[in-house]
N, C-alpha and C. Protein backbone atom coordinates (compact mmCIF):
# COMPACT_ATOMS: atom_id res chain seq x y z
N MET A 1 43.43 211.04 73.02
CA MET A 1 43.67 209.79 73.70
C MET A 1 44.99 209.85 74.47
N LYS A 2 45.98 210.49 73.86
CA LYS A 2 47.28 210.59 74.49
C LYS A 2 47.20 211.41 75.77
N GLN A 3 46.37 212.46 75.76
CA GLN A 3 46.21 213.31 76.93
C GLN A 3 45.56 212.53 78.08
N ILE A 4 44.57 211.71 77.80
CA ILE A 4 43.90 210.90 78.82
C ILE A 4 44.88 209.91 79.42
N THR A 5 45.69 209.28 78.59
CA THR A 5 46.70 208.33 79.07
C THR A 5 47.71 209.04 79.96
N SER A 6 48.12 210.22 79.59
CA SER A 6 49.07 211.00 80.40
C SER A 6 48.45 211.37 81.75
N GLN A 7 47.17 211.73 81.75
CA GLN A 7 46.50 212.09 82.99
C GLN A 7 46.35 210.89 83.91
N ILE A 8 46.02 209.74 83.35
CA ILE A 8 45.89 208.52 84.14
C ILE A 8 47.25 208.14 84.72
N THR A 9 48.30 208.22 83.90
CA THR A 9 49.65 207.91 84.37
C THR A 9 50.05 208.84 85.51
N LEU A 10 49.75 210.12 85.36
CA LEU A 10 50.07 211.10 86.39
C LEU A 10 49.31 210.80 87.68
N CYS A 11 48.04 210.45 87.59
CA CYS A 11 47.23 210.10 88.77
C CYS A 11 47.80 208.88 89.48
N ILE A 12 48.17 207.88 88.72
CA ILE A 12 48.74 206.66 89.31
C ILE A 12 50.06 206.99 90.00
N LEU A 13 50.89 207.78 89.35
CA LEU A 13 52.19 208.16 89.93
C LEU A 13 51.99 208.94 91.23
N LEU A 14 51.08 209.89 91.24
CA LEU A 14 50.80 210.67 92.46
C LEU A 14 50.25 209.78 93.57
N ALA A 15 49.39 208.86 93.21
CA ALA A 15 48.83 207.94 94.21
C ALA A 15 49.93 207.09 94.82
N LEU A 16 50.83 206.57 93.99
CA LEU A 16 51.93 205.75 94.50
C LEU A 16 52.87 206.57 95.38
N LEU A 17 53.15 207.79 94.99
CA LEU A 17 54.00 208.65 95.81
C LEU A 17 53.33 208.96 97.14
N GLY A 18 52.04 209.16 97.14
CA GLY A 18 51.31 209.42 98.38
C GLY A 18 51.36 208.24 99.33
N VAL A 19 51.18 207.04 98.80
CA VAL A 19 51.24 205.84 99.63
C VAL A 19 52.64 205.66 100.17
N GLY A 20 53.64 205.84 99.35
CA GLY A 20 55.03 205.69 99.80
C GLY A 20 55.39 206.72 100.84
N ALA A 21 54.96 207.95 100.65
CA ALA A 21 55.27 209.01 101.62
C ALA A 21 54.57 208.74 102.94
N THR A 22 53.35 208.26 102.90
CA THR A 22 52.62 207.94 104.12
C THR A 22 53.35 206.85 104.89
N GLY A 23 53.82 205.85 104.20
CA GLY A 23 54.56 204.78 104.85
C GLY A 23 55.83 205.30 105.50
N CYS A 24 56.52 206.20 104.83
CA CYS A 24 57.74 206.78 105.40
C CYS A 24 57.41 207.61 106.63
N LEU A 25 56.33 208.38 106.55
CA LEU A 25 55.95 209.20 107.69
C LEU A 25 55.57 208.34 108.88
N LEU A 26 54.83 207.26 108.63
CA LEU A 26 54.46 206.37 109.72
C LEU A 26 55.70 205.72 110.32
N PHE A 27 56.63 205.31 109.49
CA PHE A 27 57.87 204.70 109.98
C PHE A 27 58.65 205.70 110.82
N ALA A 28 58.77 206.93 110.34
CA ALA A 28 59.50 207.97 111.07
C ALA A 28 58.82 208.27 112.41
N ALA A 29 57.51 208.34 112.41
CA ALA A 29 56.78 208.61 113.65
C ALA A 29 56.96 207.47 114.64
N ASP A 30 56.92 206.24 114.16
CA ASP A 30 57.10 205.08 115.01
C ASP A 30 58.50 205.06 115.60
N ALA A 31 59.50 205.36 114.78
CA ALA A 31 60.87 205.37 115.25
C ALA A 31 61.07 206.45 116.30
N ALA A 32 60.48 207.61 116.09
CA ALA A 32 60.61 208.71 117.05
C ALA A 32 59.94 208.34 118.38
N ALA A 33 58.80 207.70 118.32
CA ALA A 33 58.10 207.32 119.54
C ALA A 33 58.89 206.28 120.32
N GLY A 34 59.52 205.34 119.63
CA GLY A 34 60.31 204.32 120.30
C GLY A 34 61.58 204.86 120.90
N ALA A 35 62.11 205.95 120.38
CA ALA A 35 63.37 206.47 120.85
C ALA A 35 63.21 207.50 121.95
N GLY A 36 62.04 208.09 122.09
CA GLY A 36 61.86 209.16 123.05
C GLY A 36 61.70 208.66 124.46
N VAL A 37 62.01 209.53 125.42
CA VAL A 37 61.88 209.17 126.82
C VAL A 37 60.43 208.92 127.18
N ALA A 38 59.53 209.76 126.70
CA ALA A 38 58.13 209.62 127.03
C ALA A 38 57.46 208.52 126.23
N GLY A 39 58.07 208.11 125.14
CA GLY A 39 57.44 207.13 124.26
C GLY A 39 57.72 205.71 124.65
N TYR A 40 56.70 204.90 124.58
CA TYR A 40 56.84 203.47 124.79
C TYR A 40 56.55 202.80 123.47
N LYS A 41 57.17 201.66 123.27
CA LYS A 41 56.86 200.88 122.08
C LYS A 41 56.53 199.46 122.55
N TYR A 42 55.33 199.01 122.24
CA TYR A 42 54.90 197.67 122.62
C TYR A 42 54.80 196.83 121.35
N ALA A 43 55.60 195.79 121.29
CA ALA A 43 55.58 194.89 120.12
C ALA A 43 55.94 193.48 120.56
N LYS A 44 55.23 192.53 120.02
CA LYS A 44 55.49 191.11 120.26
C LYS A 44 55.56 190.77 121.75
N GLY A 45 54.68 191.39 122.53
CA GLY A 45 54.59 191.08 123.95
C GLY A 45 55.60 191.79 124.83
N GLU A 46 56.37 192.70 124.26
CA GLU A 46 57.41 193.38 125.03
C GLU A 46 57.26 194.89 124.93
N LEU A 47 57.36 195.56 126.06
CA LEU A 47 57.30 197.02 126.11
C LEU A 47 58.72 197.55 126.25
N LYS A 48 59.09 198.51 125.38
CA LYS A 48 60.43 199.09 125.41
C LYS A 48 60.34 200.60 125.51
N SER A 49 61.32 201.16 126.20
CA SER A 49 61.42 202.60 126.32
C SER A 49 62.87 202.96 126.61
N THR A 50 63.28 204.12 126.14
CA THR A 50 64.62 204.62 126.45
C THR A 50 64.48 205.70 127.50
N GLN A 51 65.22 205.54 128.58
CA GLN A 51 65.19 206.49 129.69
C GLN A 51 66.47 207.31 129.73
N SER A 52 66.34 208.57 130.06
CA SER A 52 67.50 209.46 130.17
C SER A 52 68.08 209.35 131.57
N ALA A 53 68.70 208.21 131.83
CA ALA A 53 69.30 207.95 133.13
C ALA A 53 70.38 206.88 132.94
N SER A 54 71.35 206.89 133.83
CA SER A 54 72.42 205.89 133.76
C SER A 54 71.85 204.50 134.04
N LEU A 55 72.60 203.49 133.68
CA LEU A 55 72.19 202.11 133.94
C LEU A 55 72.02 201.89 135.45
N ASP A 56 72.96 202.36 136.26
CA ASP A 56 72.86 202.16 137.71
C ASP A 56 71.65 202.86 138.31
N ARG A 57 71.38 204.07 137.87
CA ARG A 57 70.23 204.82 138.37
C ARG A 57 68.93 204.14 137.95
N THR A 58 68.89 203.65 136.71
CA THR A 58 67.69 202.96 136.23
C THR A 58 67.50 201.64 136.98
N TRP A 59 68.59 200.96 137.28
CA TRP A 59 68.53 199.71 138.06
C TRP A 59 67.92 199.98 139.44
N ASP A 60 68.41 201.03 140.12
CA ASP A 60 67.87 201.38 141.43
C ASP A 60 66.38 201.71 141.34
N ALA A 61 66.00 202.45 140.31
CA ALA A 61 64.59 202.81 140.11
C ALA A 61 63.75 201.57 139.84
N THR A 62 64.30 200.61 139.11
CA THR A 62 63.59 199.37 138.79
C THR A 62 63.36 198.53 140.04
N LEU A 63 64.39 198.41 140.88
CA LEU A 63 64.24 197.68 142.15
C LEU A 63 63.19 198.34 143.04
N ALA A 64 63.23 199.67 143.11
CA ALA A 64 62.27 200.41 143.93
C ALA A 64 60.86 200.26 143.38
N ALA A 65 60.72 200.29 142.06
CA ALA A 65 59.40 200.13 141.43
C ALA A 65 58.83 198.74 141.71
N ALA A 66 59.68 197.72 141.65
CA ALA A 66 59.22 196.36 141.96
C ALA A 66 58.71 196.29 143.39
N GLN A 67 59.42 196.93 144.29
CA GLN A 67 58.98 196.96 145.69
C GLN A 67 57.67 197.74 145.83
N ASP A 68 57.57 198.89 145.15
CA ASP A 68 56.34 199.70 145.20
C ASP A 68 55.13 198.90 144.74
N LEU A 69 55.32 198.06 143.72
CA LEU A 69 54.23 197.29 143.12
C LEU A 69 54.05 195.91 143.76
N SER A 70 54.80 195.64 144.83
CA SER A 70 54.75 194.34 145.53
C SER A 70 55.01 193.17 144.58
N LEU A 71 56.05 193.33 143.76
CA LEU A 71 56.46 192.26 142.85
C LEU A 71 57.69 191.57 143.46
N PRO A 72 57.50 190.38 144.02
CA PRO A 72 58.65 189.70 144.62
C PRO A 72 59.74 189.42 143.58
N ILE A 73 60.98 189.69 143.95
CA ILE A 73 62.11 189.47 143.06
C ILE A 73 62.55 188.02 143.15
N ILE A 74 62.60 187.37 141.99
CA ILE A 74 63.00 185.97 141.89
C ILE A 74 64.50 185.84 141.63
N SER A 75 65.00 186.66 140.72
CA SER A 75 66.44 186.65 140.44
C SER A 75 66.85 188.00 139.88
N GLN A 76 68.14 188.30 140.00
CA GLN A 76 68.69 189.54 139.47
C GLN A 76 70.12 189.33 139.04
N THR A 77 70.47 189.93 137.91
CA THR A 77 71.81 189.84 137.35
C THR A 77 72.26 191.23 136.95
N LYS A 78 73.41 191.65 137.47
CA LYS A 78 73.97 192.95 137.12
C LYS A 78 75.30 192.74 136.42
N GLU A 79 75.43 193.37 135.26
CA GLU A 79 76.67 193.33 134.51
C GLU A 79 77.07 194.75 134.15
N ALA A 80 78.18 194.91 133.47
CA ALA A 80 78.70 196.24 133.13
C ALA A 80 77.75 197.03 132.23
N SER A 81 77.13 196.38 131.27
CA SER A 81 76.30 197.11 130.31
C SER A 81 74.89 196.53 130.16
N HIS A 82 74.55 195.56 131.01
CA HIS A 82 73.24 194.92 130.88
C HIS A 82 72.83 194.36 132.24
N ASP A 83 71.62 194.68 132.67
CA ASP A 83 71.08 194.14 133.92
C ASP A 83 69.78 193.41 133.62
N HIS A 84 69.46 192.42 134.44
CA HIS A 84 68.24 191.63 134.24
C HIS A 84 67.60 191.34 135.59
N LEU A 85 66.29 191.57 135.65
CA LEU A 85 65.53 191.33 136.87
C LEU A 85 64.32 190.47 136.53
N VAL A 86 64.07 189.46 137.36
CA VAL A 86 62.88 188.62 137.19
C VAL A 86 62.06 188.73 138.47
N CYS A 87 60.78 189.07 138.29
CA CYS A 87 59.83 189.21 139.40
C CYS A 87 58.62 188.33 139.12
N LYS A 88 57.70 188.30 140.07
CA LYS A 88 56.43 187.59 139.89
C LYS A 88 55.28 188.53 140.21
N THR A 89 54.19 188.42 139.45
CA THR A 89 52.99 189.20 139.75
C THR A 89 52.16 188.44 140.78
N ALA A 90 51.11 189.07 141.28
CA ALA A 90 50.20 188.43 142.23
C ALA A 90 49.54 187.20 141.62
N SER A 91 49.37 187.22 140.29
CA SER A 91 48.77 186.07 139.61
C SER A 91 49.83 185.07 139.14
N ASP A 92 51.03 185.17 139.70
CA ASP A 92 52.14 184.24 139.47
C ASP A 92 52.70 184.28 138.05
N LYS A 93 52.52 185.39 137.34
CA LYS A 93 53.14 185.55 136.02
C LYS A 93 54.57 186.06 136.21
N SER A 94 55.45 185.55 135.40
CA SER A 94 56.84 186.00 135.43
C SER A 94 56.96 187.38 134.78
N VAL A 95 57.77 188.25 135.36
CA VAL A 95 58.04 189.57 134.81
C VAL A 95 59.54 189.65 134.55
N ASP A 96 59.91 189.77 133.28
CA ASP A 96 61.32 189.92 132.90
C ASP A 96 61.58 191.37 132.55
N ILE A 97 62.54 191.98 133.23
CA ILE A 97 62.92 193.37 132.97
C ILE A 97 64.39 193.39 132.59
N ASP A 98 64.66 193.83 131.37
CA ASP A 98 66.03 193.95 130.88
C ASP A 98 66.40 195.42 130.80
N LEU A 99 67.57 195.75 131.28
CA LEU A 99 68.10 197.10 131.18
C LEU A 99 69.39 197.04 130.37
N LYS A 100 69.48 197.85 129.36
CA LYS A 100 70.65 197.85 128.48
C LYS A 100 71.24 199.26 128.43
N LYS A 101 72.51 199.36 128.76
CA LYS A 101 73.19 200.65 128.72
C LYS A 101 73.38 201.09 127.27
N LEU A 102 72.85 202.26 126.95
CA LEU A 102 73.03 202.82 125.62
C LEU A 102 74.16 203.85 125.63
N SER A 103 74.28 204.58 126.75
CA SER A 103 75.36 205.55 126.96
C SER A 103 75.45 205.77 128.47
N ASP A 104 76.32 206.67 128.89
CA ASP A 104 76.43 206.96 130.32
C ASP A 104 75.16 207.59 130.89
N THR A 105 74.34 208.17 130.03
CA THR A 105 73.13 208.86 130.50
C THR A 105 71.85 208.35 129.84
N SER A 106 71.90 207.15 129.26
CA SER A 106 70.73 206.63 128.56
C SER A 106 70.66 205.11 128.71
N THR A 107 69.47 204.61 129.05
CA THR A 107 69.27 203.18 129.27
C THR A 107 67.98 202.73 128.59
N GLU A 108 68.05 201.60 127.88
CA GLU A 108 66.86 201.01 127.30
C GLU A 108 66.25 200.04 128.31
N VAL A 109 64.95 200.19 128.55
CA VAL A 109 64.22 199.33 129.47
C VAL A 109 63.26 198.47 128.65
N SER A 110 63.34 197.15 128.82
CA SER A 110 62.43 196.22 128.14
C SER A 110 61.71 195.39 129.20
N ILE A 111 60.39 195.30 129.06
CA ILE A 111 59.57 194.58 130.04
C ILE A 111 58.68 193.58 129.31
N ARG A 112 58.68 192.33 129.79
CA ARG A 112 57.75 191.31 129.29
C ARG A 112 57.09 190.66 130.50
N VAL A 113 55.77 190.63 130.48
CA VAL A 113 55.00 190.00 131.54
C VAL A 113 54.40 188.72 130.99
N GLY A 114 54.73 187.60 131.60
CA GLY A 114 54.23 186.31 131.14
C GLY A 114 54.87 185.89 129.84
N THR A 115 54.43 184.80 129.31
CA THR A 115 54.99 184.26 128.06
C THR A 115 54.65 185.11 126.86
N PHE A 116 53.40 185.57 126.79
CA PHE A 116 52.93 186.29 125.61
C PHE A 116 52.83 187.80 125.82
N GLY A 117 53.13 188.27 127.02
CA GLY A 117 53.08 189.69 127.30
C GLY A 117 51.74 190.13 127.85
N ASP A 118 51.79 191.22 128.58
CA ASP A 118 50.61 191.86 129.16
C ASP A 118 50.88 193.35 129.11
N GLU A 119 50.33 194.01 128.10
CA GLU A 119 50.65 195.41 127.86
C GLU A 119 50.28 196.30 129.04
N ALA A 120 49.10 196.10 129.62
CA ALA A 120 48.66 196.95 130.72
C ALA A 120 49.60 196.83 131.92
N MET A 121 49.96 195.62 132.29
CA MET A 121 50.87 195.43 133.43
C MET A 121 52.26 195.96 133.10
N SER A 122 52.72 195.75 131.88
CA SER A 122 54.03 196.25 131.46
C SER A 122 54.07 197.78 131.58
N ARG A 123 53.00 198.44 131.17
CA ARG A 123 52.94 199.91 131.26
C ARG A 123 52.90 200.37 132.73
N THR A 124 52.22 199.62 133.57
CA THR A 124 52.18 199.95 135.00
C THR A 124 53.58 199.90 135.59
N ILE A 125 54.33 198.86 135.24
CA ILE A 125 55.70 198.72 135.73
C ILE A 125 56.58 199.83 135.18
N MET A 126 56.47 200.11 133.87
CA MET A 126 57.28 201.16 133.26
C MET A 126 56.97 202.51 133.89
N ASP A 127 55.70 202.78 134.14
CA ASP A 127 55.32 204.04 134.78
C ASP A 127 55.93 204.15 136.18
N ALA A 128 55.94 203.04 136.90
CA ALA A 128 56.53 203.05 138.25
C ALA A 128 58.04 203.31 138.19
N ILE A 129 58.70 202.74 137.20
CA ILE A 129 60.14 202.98 137.02
C ILE A 129 60.37 204.46 136.70
N ARG A 130 59.61 204.98 135.75
CA ARG A 130 59.75 206.40 135.36
C ARG A 130 59.46 207.33 136.53
N LYS A 131 58.47 206.98 137.35
CA LYS A 131 58.14 207.80 138.51
C LYS A 131 59.33 207.85 139.46
N ARG A 132 59.94 206.72 139.69
CA ARG A 132 61.12 206.66 140.57
C ARG A 132 62.27 207.47 139.97
N LEU A 133 62.43 207.43 138.67
CA LEU A 133 63.51 208.20 138.02
C LEU A 133 63.24 209.70 138.11
N THR A 134 62.00 210.11 137.92
CA THR A 134 61.71 211.55 137.89
C THR A 134 61.62 212.17 139.27
N THR A 135 61.27 211.38 140.30
CA THR A 135 61.19 211.92 141.65
C THR A 135 62.54 211.94 142.33
N GLY A 136 63.54 211.32 141.69
CA GLY A 136 64.88 211.33 142.26
C GLY A 136 65.06 210.38 143.42
N VAL A 137 64.10 209.49 143.65
CA VAL A 137 64.20 208.53 144.75
C VAL A 137 65.29 207.52 144.48
N ALA A 138 65.47 207.17 143.22
CA ALA A 138 66.54 206.23 142.85
C ALA A 138 67.84 207.02 142.76
N SER A 139 68.81 206.61 143.49
CA SER A 139 70.09 207.33 143.46
C SER A 139 71.16 206.51 142.77
N SER A 140 72.32 207.09 142.64
CA SER A 140 73.52 206.48 142.02
C SER A 140 74.10 207.41 141.04
């Protein structure tokens, strides 16, 4: 009887360790995806990505991307470590784009389309920004 109890205890312990390890691996994978240049993270209606470019260069790429996508600019705010752009889509949804300086060569880009978010449109805008950054069209 003692051996059966020990085996059951061991099985339960291994199962719990497996669940815990899986959770850690998923958390680590999620964190890596959110931090990478190629990775986007979409949560609570907002798409975020870290770009390997200065704040000024990312700002120029963002303005160019808005023009490429025919998104009229409603307002823009530039500060030392944070920029904000508001555009409108063809369907009159507001597009909020926040740029946050992480370092001299790294910028976090956050995009929200409409009140509740639109992942497909957010990804289209992010792709246009990345295209401008990688083709070197955005200068600074």
